[in-house]
Structures are given as C-alpha cells and as structure tokens.
Amino acid sequence: MVAPLSQLVASNTFQNIRLVATDMDGTLTQNGKFTVDLLQALTDLAIVGIEVLIVTGRSAGWVSGLTTYLPIAGAIAENGGLFYQSGSETPLALTAIPDITRHRTKLAQCFQQLQTEFPQIRESSDNCFRITDWTFDVFGLNPVQLQRLEELCQVQGWGFTYSNVQCHIKPLGQDKAVGLLQVLYKYYPQLTLEQVVTVGDSPNDESLFDASKFPLSVGVSNVLHYIEKLAYQPRYITDAAEGKGFCELAQSLIQTSR
C-alpha cells in the first residue's frame, strides 16, 4: 500500500535521512528539463548536509558531465553500470566487462535481432556514449511489445528494462539497486540503509523500491502510471509529479534539517 509522503515526513525516520538516491528523467526533470527550483533544491540539500546521488539509465557520457556541473555527490550511469564521483575524473566500474569492444559488438548483435521482429525500433541518440548497455527509444511501444522485447533479450542472455524514455539491453543482474548498494558500501560505510531514501518514477526504478534493500522509497506521483506493473512499489508517494515531486521531498528534508 503506497502511503502519502506526509506520513514519512511525520515519522521519526525522516529526520535521520542523510542521502537521497534518485532517478533523473521524469523524477528530477520537469517536461524533460531541469528547473531553477530543482537546482536550488539540490543546492539547499547540500547546504544542510544531505547528499544526493543520481541513479540513472542515461549514458556514461551524459553522466560524466552531470557530476561536473551539478551540486551532487555523484551519479550512477547506465542502470548500475558505472559510478562517477564528483571531483574524480575516473569512473568506478560497477559491472565487470573485460573486453568492452567485444561487449558492445554483442549488444549490437542483440539489437539487430530485436529489429527483425520490431523493425520500427531505433537506437537512442545517446547510445554512442554508452559502455555497459544498449538503448533504443521506448516511444510507440505498448506493454505487450515491451514484454516480448524482454523475452527476446532473455533468450539471447541479456537483461532488459525500460523507463519513460528508453529501453535498455543490459548485462544480466545489472540494475540500479545492485549498483547503488555497491556505491553505498564503498563510499558511505558510515550510513545505514535507514538513512537513505530512494526516489523514482518508472519500471526502470523498480529495484530501488525493493523494501528488502531500501526501507525508505518515494515515488513522484507520475509513477502511478506504472504502479500496477511494478512488483516492487514505492513505500511513499509525493503529491506533485516529476521534478516538482522531487522538490516537494527536498523541501521537506531541508525544513526538517534546519
């Protein structure tokens, strides 16, 4: 049962949150863009000592730039593939890939096989900046088709997930929760999982809603579009959608910390 964010805010556990691990597209963005309010919220969270990690399906190339310019502690790219810590030029590989060239060749071959049944799918514009996964646009694909694409990927030995913007062919076992836990254990050993809140909006964030891993999870209200499809659902939900929903959570955290 998904509860309103106000219930989390009223609880004692809310005051203990020290880190926010959040999806980006549809969670931090508003109509696909960062807003002034979001940038202020990220800045204010840093001021009160609450760190933010972005956990996104976006490419290594995009995420490398984000950690340079945004007031965040770091970002996980490609659904748990790599971690970029702010202030460091070298990413941490969260998925072991001994031969990247061979790996990407195999991903391309899988994509070509998918195109034999779904000739309309097209490689995403940021796919050329990727290392661990392969993406194509989700627009125009219905739930039945998405299920079939997952089945085809599994037959070829690959994982599959999708967000509100992209479909991902990925290594088996690579997901946001696995990547985030690696980063928390390595860089934040002083934190308990009760001091971390995970935030998302789509099936791509489902592993972040797994209560056995992350007891505190929040969905921005547009997650309701997918709620019946999620095996793991967020524990709490904001009133507002997309970036406004994240700002709603952020402002509550900031006010509690002052």
Protein backbone atom coordinates (compact mmCIF):
# COMPACT_ATOMS: atom_id res chain seq x y z
CA MET A 1 0.00 0.00 0.00
CA VAL A 2 1.56 3.30 -1.11
CA ALA A 3 1.29 6.00 1.56
CA PRO A 4 1.41 9.79 1.07
CA LEU A 5 4.78 11.46 1.61
CA SER A 6 3.31 13.33 4.57
CA GLN A 7 3.34 10.07 6.56
CA LEU A 8 7.09 9.70 6.04
CA VAL A 9 7.65 13.36 6.94
CA ALA A 10 5.75 12.83 10.19
CA SER A 11 7.81 9.78 11.15
CA ASN A 12 10.97 9.76 13.26
CA THR A 13 12.89 8.02 10.47
CA PHE A 14 12.51 11.03 8.16
CA GLN A 15 14.72 13.17 10.39
CA ASN A 16 17.56 10.65 10.06
CA ILE A 17 17.85 10.72 6.25
CA ARG A 18 21.34 11.76 5.16
CA LEU A 19 21.38 10.70 1.49
CA VAL A 20 18.91 10.83 -1.40
CA ALA A 21 19.45 8.38 -4.27
CA THR A 22 17.27 9.49 -7.14
CA ASP A 23 16.39 8.68 -10.71
CA MET A 24 16.69 11.56 -13.18
CA ASP A 25 14.31 11.57 -16.18
CA GLY A 26 10.74 12.04 -15.01
CA THR A 27 11.93 12.36 -11.40
CA LEU A 28 14.31 15.33 -11.38
CA THR A 29 13.21 16.73 -14.73
CA GLN A 30 10.01 18.65 -15.43
CA ASN A 31 8.84 18.15 -19.01
CA GLY A 32 12.31 16.87 -19.80
CA LYS A 33 14.26 19.79 -18.33
CA PHE A 34 15.98 20.80 -15.10
CA THR A 35 14.23 23.76 -13.49
CA VAL A 36 15.50 26.64 -11.39
CA ASP A 37 13.61 25.17 -8.43
CA LEU A 38 15.39 21.84 -8.83
CA LEU A 39 18.85 23.42 -8.94
CA GLN A 40 18.01 25.42 -5.83
CA ALA A 41 16.73 22.30 -4.07
CA LEU A 42 19.94 20.39 -4.86
CA THR A 43 22.00 23.32 -3.58
CA ASP A 44 19.95 23.63 -0.39
CA LEU A 45 20.18 19.88 0.30
CA ALA A 46 23.97 20.11 0.08
CA ILE A 47 23.99 23.07 2.46
CA VAL A 48 22.11 21.16 5.16
CA GLY A 49 24.39 18.13 4.74
CA ILE A 50 22.10 15.80 2.79
CA GLU A 51 23.95 14.31 -0.15
CA VAL A 52 22.32 13.46 -3.47
CA LEU A 53 23.30 10.62 -5.78
CA ILE A 54 21.68 10.42 -9.20
CA VAL A 55 20.93 6.84 -10.26
CA THR A 56 20.00 6.93 -13.93
CA GLY A 57 19.77 4.86 -17.04
CA ARG A 58 21.42 7.63 -19.03
CA SER A 59 24.77 7.05 -20.70
CA ALA A 60 28.27 7.27 -19.26
CA GLY A 61 28.94 10.30 -21.45
CA TRP A 62 25.94 12.24 -20.19
CA VAL A 63 26.52 11.34 -16.55
CA SER A 64 30.18 12.33 -16.60
CA GLY A 65 29.07 15.86 -17.45
CA LEU A 66 26.32 15.93 -14.81
CA THR A 67 28.73 15.26 -11.95
CA THR A 68 30.90 18.13 -13.16
CA TYR A 69 28.17 20.77 -13.19
CA LEU A 70 25.50 19.80 -10.65
CA PRO A 71 25.76 20.24 -6.85
CA ILE A 72 25.59 16.49 -6.21
CA ALA A 73 27.87 13.89 -4.62
CA GLY A 74 27.97 11.68 -7.70
CA ALA A 75 25.93 9.72 -10.21
CA ILE A 76 25.46 6.13 -11.29
CA ALA A 77 25.11 5.69 -15.04
CA GLU A 78 23.56 3.02 -17.26
CA ASN A 79 21.34 1.46 -14.57
CA GLY A 80 24.15 0.41 -12.29
CA GLY A 81 26.97 0.12 -14.83
CA LEU A 82 29.36 2.84 -13.66
CA PHE A 83 29.74 5.37 -10.85
CA TYR A 84 31.05 8.91 -11.33
CA GLN A 85 32.04 10.55 -8.05
CA SER A 86 32.02 14.33 -8.11
CA GLY A 87 35.59 15.63 -8.19
CA SER A 88 37.02 12.44 -9.67
CA GLU A 89 37.85 12.01 -13.36
CA THR A 90 37.94 8.22 -13.24
CA PRO A 91 34.64 6.30 -13.02
CA LEU A 92 34.22 3.18 -10.91
CA ALA A 93 33.11 0.17 -12.97
CA LEU A 94 30.20 -1.47 -11.17
CA THR A 95 29.82 -4.20 -13.82
CA ALA A 96 32.96 -6.10 -14.83
CA ILE A 97 33.47 -6.01 -18.62
CA PRO A 98 36.87 -7.48 -19.61
CA ASP A 99 36.62 -6.57 -23.31
CA ILE A 100 34.46 -3.50 -24.00
CA THR A 101 34.77 -3.71 -27.80
CA ARG A 102 33.59 -7.32 -27.86
CA HIS A 103 30.86 -6.50 -25.35
CA ARG A 104 29.45 -3.70 -27.49
CA THR A 105 29.60 -5.87 -30.60
CA LYS A 106 27.43 -8.46 -28.85
CA LEU A 107 24.98 -5.77 -27.71
CA ALA A 108 24.70 -4.52 -31.30
CA GLN A 109 24.01 -8.07 -32.50
CA CYS A 110 21.23 -8.45 -29.94
CA PHE A 111 19.70 -5.16 -31.05
CA GLN A 112 19.80 -6.28 -34.68
CA GLN A 113 17.96 -9.46 -33.71
CA LEU A 114 15.27 -7.41 -31.98
CA GLN A 115 14.88 -5.33 -35.14
CA THR A 116 13.98 -8.44 -37.15
CA GLU A 117 10.72 -8.63 -35.18
CA PHE A 118 10.45 -4.92 -34.38
CA PRO A 119 11.84 -3.07 -37.42
CA GLN A 120 10.50 0.26 -36.11
CA ILE A 121 12.83 0.46 -33.10
CA ARG A 122 15.68 2.94 -33.39
CA GLU A 123 18.93 3.33 -31.48
CA SER A 124 18.79 6.16 -28.92
CA SER A 125 20.71 9.33 -29.65
CA ASP A 126 22.96 8.83 -26.62
CA ASN A 127 23.76 5.20 -27.36
CA CYS A 128 27.13 6.15 -28.83
CA PHE A 129 28.18 7.44 -25.39
CA ARG A 130 27.44 4.14 -23.64
CA ILE A 131 29.73 1.43 -22.27
CA THR A 132 27.76 -1.28 -20.49
CA ASP A 133 24.31 -1.27 -22.12
CA TRP A 134 22.49 -0.53 -25.41
CA THR A 135 19.42 1.67 -25.69
CA PHE A 136 16.59 2.38 -28.08
CA ASP A 137 13.64 4.73 -27.78
CA VAL A 138 10.57 3.49 -25.91
CA PHE A 139 8.15 5.82 -27.74
CA GLY A 140 5.44 3.93 -29.63
CA LEU A 141 5.92 0.60 -27.84
CA ASN A 142 2.97 -0.83 -25.91
CA PRO A 143 3.15 -3.08 -22.80
CA VAL A 144 2.70 -6.29 -24.83
CA GLN A 145 5.55 -5.34 -27.14
CA LEU A 146 7.78 -4.41 -24.20
CA GLN A 147 7.13 -7.80 -22.64
CA ARG A 148 8.04 -9.51 -25.91
CA LEU A 149 11.27 -7.50 -26.16
CA GLU A 150 12.21 -8.61 -22.66
CA GLU A 151 11.62 -12.24 -23.61
CA LEU A 152 13.76 -11.91 -26.74
CA CYS A 153 16.61 -10.36 -24.75
CA GLN A 154 16.47 -13.13 -22.16
CA VAL A 155 16.71 -15.78 -24.86
CA GLN A 156 19.94 -14.15 -26.02
CA GLY A 157 21.33 -13.98 -22.48
CA TRP A 158 20.68 -10.29 -21.80
CA GLY A 159 18.64 -8.35 -19.27
CA PHE A 160 16.04 -5.78 -20.30
CA THR A 161 14.35 -2.82 -18.67
CA TYR A 162 12.65 0.39 -19.74
CA SER A 163 11.93 3.87 -18.46
CA ASN A 164 9.68 6.66 -19.68
CA VAL A 165 12.25 7.47 -22.39
CA GLN A 166 14.35 4.43 -23.28
CA CYS A 167 14.58 0.65 -23.46
CA HIS A 168 17.81 -0.93 -22.23
CA ILE A 169 19.57 -4.12 -23.28
CA LYS A 170 21.90 -4.79 -20.38
CA PRO A 171 24.04 -7.41 -18.67
CA LEU A 172 22.07 -9.86 -16.56
CA GLY A 173 22.00 -8.76 -12.93
CA GLN A 174 22.86 -5.14 -13.69
CA ASP A 175 20.29 -2.85 -12.11
CA LYS A 176 20.04 0.32 -10.11
CA ALA A 177 19.77 -1.39 -6.72
CA VAL A 178 22.85 -3.56 -7.24
CA GLY A 179 24.90 -0.58 -8.39
CA LEU A 180 23.67 1.70 -5.61
CA LEU A 181 24.43 -0.85 -2.91
CA GLN A 182 27.99 -1.20 -4.21
CA VAL A 183 28.46 2.57 -4.05
CA LEU A 184 26.94 2.84 -0.57
CA TYR A 185 29.14 0.09 0.84
CA LYS A 186 32.31 1.54 -0.71
CA TYR A 187 31.80 5.28 -0.24
CA TYR A 188 29.22 5.54 2.58
CA PRO A 189 30.03 2.75 5.08
CA GLN A 190 29.00 5.08 7.92
CA LEU A 191 25.38 5.19 6.72
CA THR A 192 22.67 2.67 7.46
CA LEU A 193 20.05 1.94 4.81
CA GLU A 194 17.50 3.65 7.08
CA GLN A 195 19.42 6.89 6.42
CA VAL A 196 18.95 6.57 2.65
CA VAL A 197 15.80 7.40 0.68
CA THR A 198 15.46 6.19 -2.91
CA VAL A 199 13.31 8.07 -5.43
CA GLY A 200 11.93 7.16 -8.86
CA ASP A 201 9.08 7.22 -11.32
CA SER A 202 9.07 4.20 -13.65
CA PRO A 203 9.68 0.43 -14.08
CA ASN A 204 13.34 1.27 -14.56
CA ASP A 205 13.38 2.27 -10.88
CA GLU A 206 11.62 -0.84 -9.60
CA SER A 207 14.70 -2.26 -7.87
CA LEU A 208 15.04 0.99 -5.89
CA PHE A 209 11.57 0.33 -4.47
CA ASP A 210 12.52 -3.11 -3.10
CA ALA A 211 11.85 -2.74 0.65
CA SER A 212 14.17 -5.64 1.47
CA LYS A 213 17.04 -3.49 0.20
CA PHE A 214 15.81 0.07 0.73
CA PRO A 215 13.27 0.52 3.53
CA LEU A 216 12.55 4.15 2.59
CA SER A 217 11.48 4.74 -1.01
CA VAL A 218 9.47 7.53 -2.61
CA GLY A 219 7.74 7.67 -5.97
CA VAL A 220 6.95 11.01 -7.58
CA SER A 221 3.26 10.89 -8.42
CA ASN A 222 3.69 10.10 -12.12
CA VAL A 223 4.82 6.62 -11.02
CA LEU A 224 1.09 5.89 -10.68
CA HIS A 225 1.03 5.38 -14.47
CA TYR A 226 3.01 2.16 -13.91
CA ILE A 227 2.04 1.19 -10.37
CA GLU A 228 0.12 -1.97 -11.34
CA LYS A 229 3.10 -3.22 -13.37
CA LEU A 230 5.59 -2.92 -10.53
CA ALA A 231 6.50 -5.99 -8.48
CA TYR A 232 8.10 -3.56 -6.02
CA GLN A 233 6.21 -0.36 -5.35
CA PRO A 234 7.44 2.79 -3.61
CA ARG A 235 6.54 2.99 0.05
CA TYR A 236 5.55 6.66 -0.18
CA ILE A 237 4.38 8.97 -2.94
CA THR A 238 4.51 12.73 -3.49
CA ASP A 239 1.53 14.91 -4.32
CA ALA A 240 3.31 16.51 -7.28
CA ALA A 241 4.68 14.86 -10.41
CA GLU A 242 8.17 14.77 -11.92
CA GLY A 243 10.68 17.39 -10.73
CA LYS A 244 8.05 19.19 -8.68
CA GLY A 245 7.54 15.97 -6.74
CA PHE A 246 11.26 15.70 -6.04
CA CYS A 247 11.32 19.33 -4.89
CA GLU A 248 8.39 18.53 -2.58
CA LEU A 249 10.51 15.82 -0.94
CA ALA A 250 13.62 18.01 -0.91
CA GLN A 251 11.87 20.95 0.77
CA SER A 252 10.52 18.69 3.50
CA LEU A 253 14.02 17.32 4.14
CA ILE A 254 15.52 20.81 4.19
CA GLN A 255 12.91 22.17 6.61
CA THR A 256 13.36 19.20 8.93
CA SER A 257 17.15 19.66 8.96
CA ARG A 258 17.06 23.35 9.90
